Amino acid sequence: MGAKFYTIGELARLSGQSVRRIRYYSDKGLLPSDRSAGNYRIYSETDAARLDLIRALREAGVGLAAIGKLIGRRLSLADVLQARLAILETEIAARRRMAAVLRATLRLPNPADADLRRFWTMANRSNKDMHALVERFVGRIAEGAAMDEEWRRRMIETSVPDLPDDPTPDQIAAWTELADMLEDEDFARDLKTEMATFWTGAFDPAAYRDAALRTYEAAQAAIAKGISPQAAEAQAIAAAWLDDSARAMGREPDRAFLDWQFARYEKQSGRMGRYRHLLAILRGDNDSAEPDRIWAWLNDALRALPVPLK
């Protein structure tokens, strides 16, 4: 049985594509045709299958240049599809991000043009850009302090936000607020002053870090057992934290140091607390308030310590 051939009209009816489009593909070399004795274009079963492939690729958004390379065997089908998939995923992520920006803007009482522009500008700031912003911020607050490089590295790692590929409106708003905080000179100045109280020649960062972790875990376990900040076990945890943190800073665990702890807690639970909360939103942390609860419990236990202190 001989091979079957189609005229351009027959191929158009078979494929559901227009004669004009088939002729266009033929002229572009994507669908080469033979000629009949009467000089009419004729197409084989292979050409019909190729036309189906071209249609599928075009509907997937693949360009004619890439299709030409595929047909000419300069690219494999896998290469073409992988490249198109990467483009589609980028487009989908961009559309989802735009949808989140619109939702975040619509949550404002009276959204204005400037609100949409601000959210969109921030949403398109890359994670790499935000990392650089955090590095500059840490550089500003560490200026003039003999900050340990390991401490600086940890501070950057724990302070860098990442915007998910498919952010929620809350995450768009958190991302925008964090960027504003990192560019706030007053915020940087306050933290720089606090860093100066830490980084004296007597400060032992490793000892302070170990004491903080040990105290956090002890307080967390005590809260889980329902222990009140005024209980004897809580008093022991608070007293140990006061002694260990004072020793790590080269200070005495006296009333002056305790008052400094209270003042620092107020600052940490203010804008720094807000910063930590925003980071938790970006990370999708469902219990972002737990660290605040633990340090609030410890602060209450410190306030319940007997006075005068030793």
C-alpha atoms as a PDB file:
ATOM      1  CA  MET A   1       0.000   0.000   0.000  1.00  0.00           C
ATOM      2  CA  GLY A   2       1.481   3.325  -1.018  1.00  0.00           C
ATOM      3  CA  ALA A   3       2.192   6.250   1.263  1.00  0.00           C
ATOM      4  CA  LYS A   4      -0.671   8.680   1.754  1.00  0.00           C
ATOM      5  CA  PHE A   5      -0.281  12.331   0.751  1.00  0.00           C
ATOM      6  CA  TYR A   6      -2.451  15.375   1.424  1.00  0.00           C
ATOM      7  CA  THR A   7      -2.999  18.623  -0.362  1.00  0.00           C
ATOM      8  CA  ILE A   8      -2.693  21.729   1.752  1.00  0.00           C
ATOM      9  CA  GLY A   9      -6.496  21.974   1.917  1.00  0.00           C
ATOM     10  CA  GLU A  10      -6.836  18.360   3.042  1.00  0.00           C
ATOM     11  CA  LEU A  11      -4.125  18.834   5.686  1.00  0.00           C
ATOM     12  CA  ALA A  12      -5.892  21.945   6.947  1.00  0.00           C
ATOM     13  CA  ARG A  13      -9.164  20.015   7.370  1.00  0.00           C
ATOM     14  CA  LEU A  14      -7.362  17.087   9.005  1.00  0.00           C
ATOM     15  CA  SER A  15      -5.365  19.187  11.440  1.00  0.00           C
ATOM     16  CA  GLY A  16      -7.868  21.946  12.162  1.00  0.00           C
ATOM     17  CA  GLN A  17      -5.314  24.594  11.227  1.00  0.00           C
ATOM     18  CA  SER A  18      -5.750  27.187   8.523  1.00  0.00           C
ATOM     19  CA  VAL A  19      -4.289  26.921   5.042  1.00  0.00           C
ATOM     20  CA  ARG A  20      -2.601  30.266   5.617  1.00  0.00           C
ATOM     21  CA  ARG A  21      -0.861  29.019   8.785  1.00  0.00           C
ATOM     22  CA  ILE A  22       0.305  25.788   7.148  1.00  0.00           C
ATOM     23  CA  ARG A  23       1.668  27.762   4.189  1.00  0.00           C
ATOM     24  CA  TYR A  24       3.460  30.087   6.653  1.00  0.00           C
ATOM     25  CA  TYR A  25       5.126  27.155   8.429  1.00  0.00           C
ATOM     26  CA  SER A  26       6.129  25.710   5.063  1.00  0.00           C
ATOM     27  CA  ASP A  27       7.658  29.002   3.916  1.00  0.00           C
ATOM     28  CA  LYS A  28       9.602  29.181   7.198  1.00  0.00           C
ATOM     29  CA  GLY A  29      11.080  25.726   6.529  1.00  0.00           C
ATOM     30  CA  LEU A  30       9.318  24.153   9.523  1.00  0.00           C
ATOM     31  CA  LEU A  31       7.023  22.056   7.336  1.00  0.00           C
ATOM     32  CA  PRO A  32       8.745  21.392   4.016  1.00  0.00           C
ATOM     33  CA  SER A  33       6.434  20.110   1.299  1.00  0.00           C
ATOM     34  CA  ASP A  34       6.783  18.283  -1.974  1.00  0.00           C
ATOM     35  CA  ARG A  35       5.092  19.349  -5.214  1.00  0.00           C
ATOM     36  CA  SER A  36       2.555  17.415  -7.247  1.00  0.00           C
ATOM     37  CA  ALA A  37       2.659  17.129 -11.042  1.00  0.00           C
ATOM     38  CA  GLY A  38       0.381  20.148 -11.116  1.00  0.00           C
ATOM     39  CA  ASN A  39       2.820  22.088  -8.890  1.00  0.00           C
ATOM     40  CA  TYR A  40       0.566  21.918  -5.821  1.00  0.00           C
ATOM     41  CA  ARG A  41       2.016  21.482  -2.331  1.00  0.00           C
ATOM     42  CA  ILE A  42       1.555  17.964  -0.989  1.00  0.00           C
ATOM     43  CA  TYR A  43       2.261  16.674   2.517  1.00  0.00           C
ATOM     44  CA  SER A  44       2.960  13.214   3.883  1.00  0.00           C
ATOM     45  CA  GLU A  45       1.760  11.463   7.058  1.00  0.00           C
ATOM     46  CA  THR A  46       5.102  12.472   8.613  1.00  0.00           C
ATOM     47  CA  ASP A  47       4.386  16.114   7.770  1.00  0.00           C
ATOM     48  CA  ALA A  48       0.939  15.815   9.391  1.00  0.00           C
ATOM     49  CA  ALA A  49       2.540  14.466  12.590  1.00  0.00           C
ATOM     50  CA  ARG A  50       5.127  17.260  12.475  1.00  0.00           C
ATOM     51  CA  LEU A  51       2.331  19.812  12.142  1.00  0.00           C
ATOM     52  CA  ASP A  52       0.719  18.393  15.288  1.00  0.00           C
ATOM     53  CA  LEU A  53       4.075  18.753  17.097  1.00  0.00           C
ATOM     54  CA  ILE A  54       4.467  22.369  15.921  1.00  0.00           C
ATOM     55  CA  ARG A  55       0.957  23.175  17.116  1.00  0.00           C
ATOM     56  CA  ALA A  56       1.581  21.627  20.553  1.00  0.00           C
ATOM     57  CA  LEU A  57       4.864  23.511  20.938  1.00  0.00           C
ATOM     58  CA  ARG A  58       3.340  26.811  19.818  1.00  0.00           C
ATOM     59  CA  GLU A  59       0.447  26.403  22.273  1.00  0.00           C
ATOM     60  CA  ALA A  60       3.062  25.786  24.978  1.00  0.00           C
ATOM     61  CA  GLY A  61       4.650  29.099  24.013  1.00  0.00           C
ATOM     62  CA  VAL A  62       7.762  27.749  22.263  1.00  0.00           C
ATOM     63  CA  GLY A  63       9.165  30.162  19.677  1.00  0.00           C
ATOM     64  CA  LEU A  64       9.562  29.356  15.997  1.00  0.00           C
ATOM     65  CA  ALA A  65      13.357  29.627  16.210  1.00  0.00           C
ATOM     66  CA  ALA A  66      13.516  26.887  18.855  1.00  0.00           C
ATOM     67  CA  ILE A  67      11.075  24.736  16.861  1.00  0.00           C
ATOM     68  CA  GLY A  68      13.276  25.149  13.794  1.00  0.00           C
ATOM     69  CA  LYS A  69      16.322  23.969  15.749  1.00  0.00           C
ATOM     70  CA  LEU A  70      14.373  20.980  17.053  1.00  0.00           C
ATOM     71  CA  ILE A  71      13.194  19.988  13.578  1.00  0.00           C
ATOM     72  CA  GLY A  72      16.710  20.483  12.235  1.00  0.00           C
ATOM     73  CA  ARG A  73      17.944  18.217  15.059  1.00  0.00           C
ATOM     74  CA  ARG A  74      20.126  20.988  16.520  1.00  0.00           C
ATOM     75  CA  LEU A  75      18.116  20.699  19.740  1.00  0.00           C
ATOM     76  CA  SER A  76      16.461  17.696  21.349  1.00  0.00           C
ATOM     77  CA  LEU A  77      12.801  17.747  22.346  1.00  0.00           C
ATOM     78  CA  ALA A  78      13.872  17.489  25.989  1.00  0.00           C
ATOM     79  CA  ASP A  79      16.052  20.605  25.613  1.00  0.00           C
ATOM     80  CA  VAL A  80      13.206  22.565  24.023  1.00  0.00           C
ATOM     81  CA  LEU A  81      10.652  21.498  26.633  1.00  0.00           C
ATOM     82  CA  GLN A  82      13.041  22.129  29.539  1.00  0.00           C
ATOM     83  CA  ALA A  83      13.758  25.634  28.325  1.00  0.00           C
ATOM     84  CA  ARG A  84      10.065  26.388  27.901  1.00  0.00           C
ATOM     85  CA  LEU A  85       9.226  24.907  31.312  1.00  0.00           C
ATOM     86  CA  ALA A  86      11.789  27.179  32.967  1.00  0.00           C
ATOM     87  CA  ILE A  87      10.242  30.214  31.285  1.00  0.00           C
ATOM     88  CA  LEU A  88       6.709  29.155  32.249  1.00  0.00           C
ATOM     89  CA  GLU A  89       7.658  28.598  35.884  1.00  0.00           C
ATOM     90  CA  THR A  90       9.238  32.049  36.004  1.00  0.00           C
ATOM     91  CA  GLU A  91       6.113  33.588  34.478  1.00  0.00           C
ATOM     92  CA  ILE A  92       3.852  31.722  36.905  1.00  0.00           C
ATOM     93  CA  ALA A  93       5.931  32.849  39.892  1.00  0.00           C
ATOM     94  CA  ALA A  94       5.785  36.446  38.657  1.00  0.00           C
ATOM     95  CA  ARG A  95       2.005  36.298  38.248  1.00  0.00           C
ATOM     96  CA  ARG A  96       1.543  34.767  41.695  1.00  0.00           C
ATOM     97  CA  ARG A  97       3.744  37.457  43.199  1.00  0.00           C
ATOM     98  CA  MET A  98       1.744  40.147  41.422  1.00  0.00           C
ATOM     99  CA  ALA A  99      -1.486  38.607  42.754  1.00  0.00           C
ATOM    100  CA  ALA A 100      -0.046  38.691  46.291  1.00  0.00           C
ATOM    101  CA  VAL A 101       0.957  42.335  45.820  1.00  0.00           C
ATOM    102  CA  LEU A 102      -2.574  43.212  44.672  1.00  0.00           C
ATOM    103  CA  ARG A 103      -4.091  41.401  47.666  1.00  0.00           C
ATOM    104  CA  ALA A 104      -1.698  43.138  50.061  1.00  0.00           C
ATOM    105  CA  THR A 105      -2.560  46.522  48.545  1.00  0.00           C
ATOM    106  CA  LEU A 106      -6.298  45.839  48.698  1.00  0.00           C
ATOM    107  CA  ARG A 107      -6.018  45.073  52.422  1.00  0.00           C
ATOM    108  CA  LEU A 108      -5.108  48.712  53.070  1.00  0.00           C
ATOM    109  CA  PRO A 109      -8.094  50.897  54.141  1.00  0.00           C
ATOM    110  CA  ASN A 110      -7.708  53.337  51.243  1.00  0.00           C
ATOM    111  CA  PRO A 111      -5.066  52.019  48.806  1.00  0.00           C
ATOM    112  CA  ALA A 112      -3.352  54.603  46.637  1.00  0.00           C
ATOM    113  CA  ASP A 113      -1.076  54.494  43.606  1.00  0.00           C
ATOM    114  CA  ALA A 114       1.970  54.954  45.831  1.00  0.00           C
ATOM    115  CA  ASP A 115       1.026  51.897  47.926  1.00  0.00           C
ATOM    116  CA  LEU A 116       0.864  49.630  44.887  1.00  0.00           C
ATOM    117  CA  ARG A 117       4.148  50.998  43.506  1.00  0.00           C
ATOM    118  CA  ARG A 118       5.843  50.519  46.879  1.00  0.00           C
ATOM    119  CA  PHE A 119       4.632  46.931  47.349  1.00  0.00           C
ATOM    120  CA  TRP A 120       5.539  46.011  43.765  1.00  0.00           C
ATOM    121  CA  THR A 121       9.000  47.595  44.007  1.00  0.00           C
ATOM    122  CA  MET A 122       9.726  45.730  47.234  1.00  0.00           C
ATOM    123  CA  ALA A 123       8.311  42.430  45.952  1.00  0.00           C
ATOM    124  CA  ASN A 124      10.700  42.577  43.000  1.00  0.00           C
ATOM    125  CA  ARG A 125      13.712  43.151  45.208  1.00  0.00           C
ATOM    126  CA  SER A 126      15.552  39.838  45.040  1.00  0.00           C
ATOM    127  CA  ASN A 127      16.674  37.752  48.003  1.00  0.00           C
ATOM    128  CA  LYS A 128      20.235  38.590  46.944  1.00  0.00           C
ATOM    129  CA  ASP A 129      19.433  42.308  47.156  1.00  0.00           C
ATOM    130  CA  MET A 130      17.993  41.869  50.644  1.00  0.00           C
ATOM    131  CA  HIS A 131      21.059  39.897  51.731  1.00  0.00           C
ATOM    132  CA  ALA A 132      23.229  42.823  50.631  1.00  0.00           C
ATOM    133  CA  LEU A 133      20.914  45.209  52.510  1.00  0.00           C
ATOM    134  CA  VAL A 134      21.313  43.159  55.711  1.00  0.00           C
ATOM    135  CA  GLU A 135      25.095  43.099  55.293  1.00  0.00           C
ATOM    136  CA  ARG A 136      25.171  46.895  54.988  1.00  0.00           C
ATOM    137  CA  PHE A 137      22.872  47.233  58.003  1.00  0.00           C
ATOM    138  CA  VAL A 138      25.058  44.977  60.165  1.00  0.00           C
ATOM    139  CA  GLY A 139      28.100  46.909  58.970  1.00  0.00           C
ATOM    140  CA  ARG A 140      26.503  50.151  60.175  1.00  0.00           C
ATOM    141  CA  ILE A 141      25.550  48.860  63.632  1.00  0.00           C
ATOM    142  CA  ALA A 142      28.935  47.140  64.115  1.00  0.00           C
ATOM    143  CA  GLU A 143      30.924  50.230  63.150  1.00  0.00           C
ATOM    144  CA  GLY A 144      33.347  51.166  65.916  1.00  0.00           C
ATOM    145  CA  ALA A 145      32.716  47.931  67.861  1.00  0.00           C
ATOM    146  CA  ALA A 146      35.272  45.139  67.970  1.00  0.00           C
ATOM    147  CA  MET A 147      32.652  42.630  66.875  1.00  0.00           C
ATOM    148  CA  ASP A 148      33.769  39.040  66.518  1.00  0.00           C
ATOM    149  CA  GLU A 149      33.596  37.875  62.871  1.00  0.00           C
ATOM    150  CA  GLU A 150      31.765  34.688  63.827  1.00  0.00           C
ATOM    151  CA  TRP A 151      29.163  36.762  65.691  1.00  0.00           C
ATOM    152  CA  ARG A 152      28.809  39.078  62.695  1.00  0.00           C
ATOM    153  CA  ARG A 153      28.336  36.116  60.363  1.00  0.00           C
ATOM    154  CA  ARG A 154      25.682  34.601  62.635  1.00  0.00           C
ATOM    155  CA  MET A 155      23.915  37.951  62.937  1.00  0.00           C
ATOM    156  CA  ILE A 156      23.704  38.231  59.158  1.00  0.00           C
ATOM    157  CA  GLU A 157      22.531  34.632  58.734  1.00  0.00           C
ATOM    158  CA  THR A 158      19.754  34.988  61.308  1.00  0.00           C
ATOM    159  CA  SER A 159      18.683  38.423  60.053  1.00  0.00           C
ATOM    160  CA  VAL A 160      18.433  37.780  56.312  1.00  0.00           C
ATOM    161  CA  PRO A 161      14.827  37.477  55.087  1.00  0.00           C
ATOM    162  CA  ASP A 162      13.829  35.351  52.099  1.00  0.00           C
ATOM    163  CA  LEU A 163      10.672  36.018  50.116  1.00  0.00           C
ATOM    164  CA  PRO A 164       9.067  32.709  49.033  1.00  0.00           C
ATOM    165  CA  ASP A 165       8.431  32.116  45.342  1.00  0.00           C
ATOM    166  CA  ASP A 166       4.678  32.101  45.993  1.00  0.00           C
ATOM    167  CA  PRO A 167       4.291  34.697  48.762  1.00  0.00           C
ATOM    168  CA  THR A 168       1.127  35.446  50.703  1.00  0.00           C
ATOM    169  CA  PRO A 169      -0.109  39.035  51.141  1.00  0.00           C
ATOM    170  CA  ASP A 170       1.214  38.895  54.735  1.00  0.00           C
ATOM    171  CA  GLN A 171       4.653  37.936  53.430  1.00  0.00           C
ATOM    172  CA  ILE A 172       4.636  40.755  50.868  1.00  0.00           C
ATOM    173  CA  ALA A 173       3.772  43.218  53.644  1.00  0.00           C
ATOM    174  CA  ALA A 174       6.429  41.726  55.972  1.00  0.00           C
ATOM    175  CA  TRP A 175       9.074  41.872  53.217  1.00  0.00           C
ATOM    176  CA  THR A 176       8.276  45.535  52.584  1.00  0.00           C
ATOM    177  CA  GLU A 177       8.328  46.450  56.286  1.00  0.00           C
ATOM    178  CA  LEU A 178      11.639  44.648  56.827  1.00  0.00           C
ATOM    179  CA  ALA A 179      13.257  46.546  53.963  1.00  0.00           C
ATOM    180  CA  ASP A 180      12.036  49.803  55.509  1.00  0.00           C
ATOM    181  CA  MET A 181      13.501  48.825  58.899  1.00  0.00           C
ATOM    182  CA  LEU A 182      16.868  47.930  57.375  1.00  0.00           C
ATOM    183  CA  GLU A 183      17.054  51.380  55.780  1.00  0.00           C
ATOM    184  CA  ASP A 184      15.920  53.228  58.933  1.00  0.00           C
ATOM    185  CA  GLU A 185      18.842  55.272  60.277  1.00  0.00           C
ATOM    186  CA  ASP A 186      17.243  55.682  63.733  1.00  0.00           C
ATOM    187  CA  PHE A 187      16.851  51.923  64.093  1.00  0.00           C
ATOM    188  CA  ALA A 188      20.475  51.380  63.044  1.00  0.00           C
ATOM    189  CA  ARG A 189      21.675  54.062  65.454  1.00  0.00           C
ATOM    190  CA  ASP A 190      19.829  52.472  68.408  1.00  0.00           C
ATOM    191  CA  LEU A 191      21.299  49.057  67.675  1.00  0.00           C
ATOM    192  CA  LYS A 192      24.751  50.536  67.195  1.00  0.00           C
ATOM    193  CA  THR A 193      24.546  52.019  70.698  1.00  0.00           C
ATOM    194  CA  GLU A 194      23.512  48.636  72.075  1.00  0.00           C
ATOM    195  CA  MET A 195      26.357  46.873  70.268  1.00  0.00           C
ATOM    196  CA  ALA A 196      28.806  49.261  71.918  1.00  0.00           C
ATOM    197  CA  THR A 197      27.636  48.091  75.361  1.00  0.00           C
ATOM    198  CA  PHE A 198      28.368  44.497  74.395  1.00  0.00           C
ATOM    199  CA  TRP A 199      31.597  44.642  72.513  1.00  0.00           C
ATOM    200  CA  THR A 200      33.982  45.757  75.192  1.00  0.00           C
ATOM    201  CA  GLY A 201      37.311  44.085  75.786  1.00  0.00           C
ATOM    202  CA  ALA A 202      35.775  41.927  78.533  1.00  0.00           C
ATOM    203  CA  PHE A 203      32.995  40.436  76.395  1.00  0.00           C
ATOM    204  CA  ASP A 204      33.175  36.680  75.716  1.00  0.00           C
ATOM    205  CA  PRO A 205      30.780  36.024  72.811  1.00  0.00           C
ATOM    206  CA  ALA A 206      31.005  32.229  72.978  1.00  0.00           C
ATOM    207  CA  ALA A 207      30.227  32.165  76.696  1.00  0.00           C
ATOM    208  CA  TYR A 208      27.328  34.583  76.230  1.00  0.00           C
ATOM    209  CA  ARG A 209      25.894  32.553  73.337  1.00  0.00           C
ATOM    210  CA  ASP A 210      26.130  29.307  75.335  1.00  0.00           C
ATOM    211  CA  ALA A 211      24.489  30.917  78.357  1.00  0.00           C
ATOM    212  CA  ALA A 212      21.650  32.315  76.240  1.00  0.00           C
ATOM    213  CA  LEU A 213      20.965  28.934  74.606  1.00  0.00           C
ATOM    214  CA  ARG A 214      21.136  27.093  77.931  1.00  0.00           C
ATOM    215  CA  THR A 215      18.773  29.596  79.571  1.00  0.00           C
ATOM    216  CA  TYR A 216      16.331  29.558  76.649  1.00  0.00           C
ATOM    217  CA  GLU A 217      16.066  25.766  76.743  1.00  0.00           C
ATOM    218  CA  ALA A 218      15.633  25.733  80.532  1.00  0.00           C
ATOM    219  CA  ALA A 219      12.927  28.406  80.385  1.00  0.00           C
ATOM    220  CA  GLN A 220      11.187  26.597  77.529  1.00  0.00           C
ATOM    221  CA  ALA A 221      11.100  23.354  79.548  1.00  0.00           C
ATOM    222  CA  ALA A 222       9.838  25.189  82.647  1.00  0.00           C
ATOM    223  CA  ILE A 223       7.009  26.837  80.698  1.00  0.00           C
ATOM    224  CA  ALA A 224       6.036  23.451  79.229  1.00  0.00           C
ATOM    225  CA  LYS A 225       5.684  22.150  82.813  1.00  0.00           C
ATOM    226  CA  GLY A 226       3.514  25.103  83.769  1.00  0.00           C
ATOM    227  CA  ILE A 227       6.016  26.610  86.198  1.00  0.00           C
ATOM    228  CA  SER A 228       5.282  30.184  87.251  1.00  0.00           C
ATOM    229  CA  PRO A 229       7.999  32.868  86.880  1.00  0.00           C
ATOM    230  CA  GLN A 230       7.689  33.396  90.649  1.00  0.00           C
ATOM    231  CA  ALA A 231       8.383  29.730  91.468  1.00  0.00           C
ATOM    232  CA  ALA A 232      11.669  28.603  93.021  1.00  0.00           C
ATOM    233  CA  GLU A 233      12.716  26.727  89.860  1.00  0.00           C
ATOM    234  CA  ALA A 234      12.138  29.864  87.770  1.00  0.00           C
ATOM    235  CA  GLN A 235      14.139  31.915  90.261  1.00  0.00           C
ATOM    236  CA  ALA A 236      17.039  29.494  89.892  1.00  0.00           C
ATOM    237  CA  ILE A 237      16.956  29.776  86.087  1.00  0.00           C
ATOM    238  CA  ALA A 238      16.826  33.591  86.262  1.00  0.00           C
ATOM    239  CA  ALA A 239      19.646  33.795  88.798  1.00  0.00           C
ATOM    240  CA  ALA A 240      21.836  31.473  86.697  1.00  0.00           C
ATOM    241  CA  TRP A 241      21.183  33.612  83.598  1.00  0.00           C
ATOM    242  CA  LEU A 242      22.067  36.776  85.500  1.00  0.00           C
ATOM    243  CA  ASP A 243      25.331  35.263  86.767  1.00  0.00           C
ATOM    244  CA  ASP A 244      26.325  33.659  83.465  1.00  0.00           C
ATOM    245  CA  SER A 245      25.486  36.663  81.263  1.00  0.00           C
ATOM    246  CA  ALA A 246      27.243  39.081  83.638  1.00  0.00           C
ATOM    247  CA  ARG A 247      30.350  36.891  83.711  1.00  0.00           C
ATOM    248  CA  ALA A 248      30.343  36.675  79.870  1.00  0.00           C
ATOM    249  CA  MET A 249      30.243  40.487  79.724  1.00  0.00           C
ATOM    250  CA  GLY A 250      32.885  41.038  82.409  1.00  0.00           C
ATOM    251  CA  ARG A 251      30.355  42.634  84.753  1.00  0.00           C
ATOM    252  CA  GLU A 252      28.936  41.998  88.218  1.00  0.00           C
ATOM    253  CA  PRO A 253      25.460  40.430  88.555  1.00  0.00           C
ATOM    254  CA  ASP A 254      24.285  43.367  90.657  1.00  0.00           C
ATOM    255  CA  ARG A 255      21.283  45.688  90.607  1.00  0.00           C
ATOM    256  CA  ALA A 256      22.832  47.925  87.942  1.00  0.00           C
ATOM    257  CA  PHE A 257      23.335  44.953  85.647  1.00  0.00           C
ATOM    258  CA  LEU A 258      19.798  43.737  86.305  1.00  0.00           C
ATOM    259  CA  ASP A 259      18.403  47.160  85.420  1.00  0.00           C
ATOM    260  CA  TRP A 260      20.467  47.062  82.227  1.00  0.00           C
ATOM    261  CA  GLN A 261      18.898  43.668  81.450  1.00  0.00           C
ATOM    262  CA  PHE A 262      15.407  45.137  81.881  1.00  0.00           C
ATOM    263  CA  ALA A 263      16.204  48.104  79.632  1.00  0.00           C
ATOM    264  CA  ARG A 264      17.635  45.798  76.993  1.00  0.00           C
ATOM    265  CA  TYR A 265      14.565  43.549  77.170  1.00  0.00           C
ATOM    266  CA  GLU A 266      12.328  46.549  76.512  1.00  0.00           C
ATOM    267  CA  LYS A 267      14.345  47.387  73.399  1.00  0.00           C
ATOM    268  CA  GLN A 268      14.475  43.776  72.239  1.00  0.00           C
ATOM    269  CA  SER A 269      10.730  43.346  72.645  1.00  0.00           C
ATOM    270  CA  GLY A 270      10.124  46.563  70.697  1.00  0.00           C
ATOM    271  CA  ARG A 271      11.468  47.042  67.188  1.00  0.00           C
ATOM    272  CA  MET A 272      13.807  44.042  67.358  1.00  0.00           C
ATOM    273  CA  GLY A 273      10.861  41.938  68.461  1.00  0.00           C
ATOM    274  CA  ARG A 274       8.941  43.235  65.478  1.00  0.00           C
ATOM    275  CA  TYR A 275      11.871  42.372  63.189  1.00  0.00           C
ATOM    276  CA  ARG A 276      11.940  38.790  64.507  1.00  0.00           C
ATOM    277  CA  HIS A 277       8.174  38.516  64.059  1.00  0.00           C
ATOM    278  CA  LEU A 278       8.414  39.651  60.421  1.00  0.00           C
ATOM    279  CA  LEU A 279      11.172  37.118  59.747  1.00  0.00           C
ATOM    280  CA  ALA A 280       8.942  34.410  61.200  1.00  0.00           C
ATOM    281  CA  ILE A 281       6.105  35.432  58.861  1.00  0.00           C
ATOM    282  CA  LEU A 282       8.425  35.102  55.861  1.00  0.00           C
ATOM    283  CA  ARG A 283       9.578  31.677  57.052  1.00  0.00           C
ATOM    284  CA  GLY A 284       6.011  30.483  57.492  1.00  0.00           C
ATOM    285  CA  ASP A 285       6.559  29.923  61.212  1.00  0.00           C
ATOM    286  CA  ASN A 286       3.142  29.165  62.719  1.00  0.00           C
ATOM    287  CA  ASP A 287       4.331  29.838  66.268  1.00  0.00           C
ATOM    288  CA  SER A 288       6.434  32.922  65.747  1.00  0.00           C
ATOM    289  CA  ALA A 289       5.532  34.270  69.196  1.00  0.00           C
ATOM    290  CA  GLU A 290       7.190  31.428  71.151  1.00  0.00           C
ATOM    291  CA  PRO A 291      10.612  33.115  71.571  1.00  0.00           C
ATOM    292  CA  ASP A 292       8.873  36.276  72.788  1.00  0.00           C
ATOM    293  CA  ARG A 293       6.844  34.254  75.304  1.00  0.00           C
ATOM    294  CA  ILE A 294       9.959  32.522  76.608  1.00  0.00           C
ATOM    295  CA  TRP A 295      11.980  35.710  77.083  1.00  0.00           C
ATOM    296  CA  ALA A 296       8.954  37.461  78.629  1.00  0.00           C
ATOM    297  CA  TRP A 297       8.694  34.610  81.140  1.00  0.00           C
ATOM    298  CA  LEU A 298      12.406  34.925  81.936  1.00  0.00           C
ATOM    299  CA  ASN A 299      12.074  38.687  82.312  1.00  0.00           C
ATOM    300  CA  ASP A 300       9.229  38.173  84.806  1.00  0.00           C
ATOM    301  CA  ALA A 301      11.390  35.676  86.675  1.00  0.00           C
ATOM    302  CA  LEU A 302      14.237  38.238  86.802  1.00  0.00           C
ATOM    303  CA  ARG A 303      11.839  40.827  88.242  1.00  0.00           C
ATOM    304  CA  ALA A 304      10.877  38.372  90.962  1.00  0.00           C
ATOM    305  CA  LEU A 305      14.472  37.865  92.120  1.00  0.00           C
ATOM    306  CA  PRO A 306      15.040  38.836  95.762  1.00  0.00           C
ATOM    307  CA  VAL A 307      16.429  42.335  96.340  1.00  0.00           C
ATOM    308  CA  PRO A 308      19.065  43.351  97.191  1.00  0.00           C
ATOM    309  CA  LEU A 309      21.085  41.213  94.825  1.00  0.00           C
ATOM    310  CA  LYS A 310      24.473  39.979  95.909  1.00  0.00           C
END
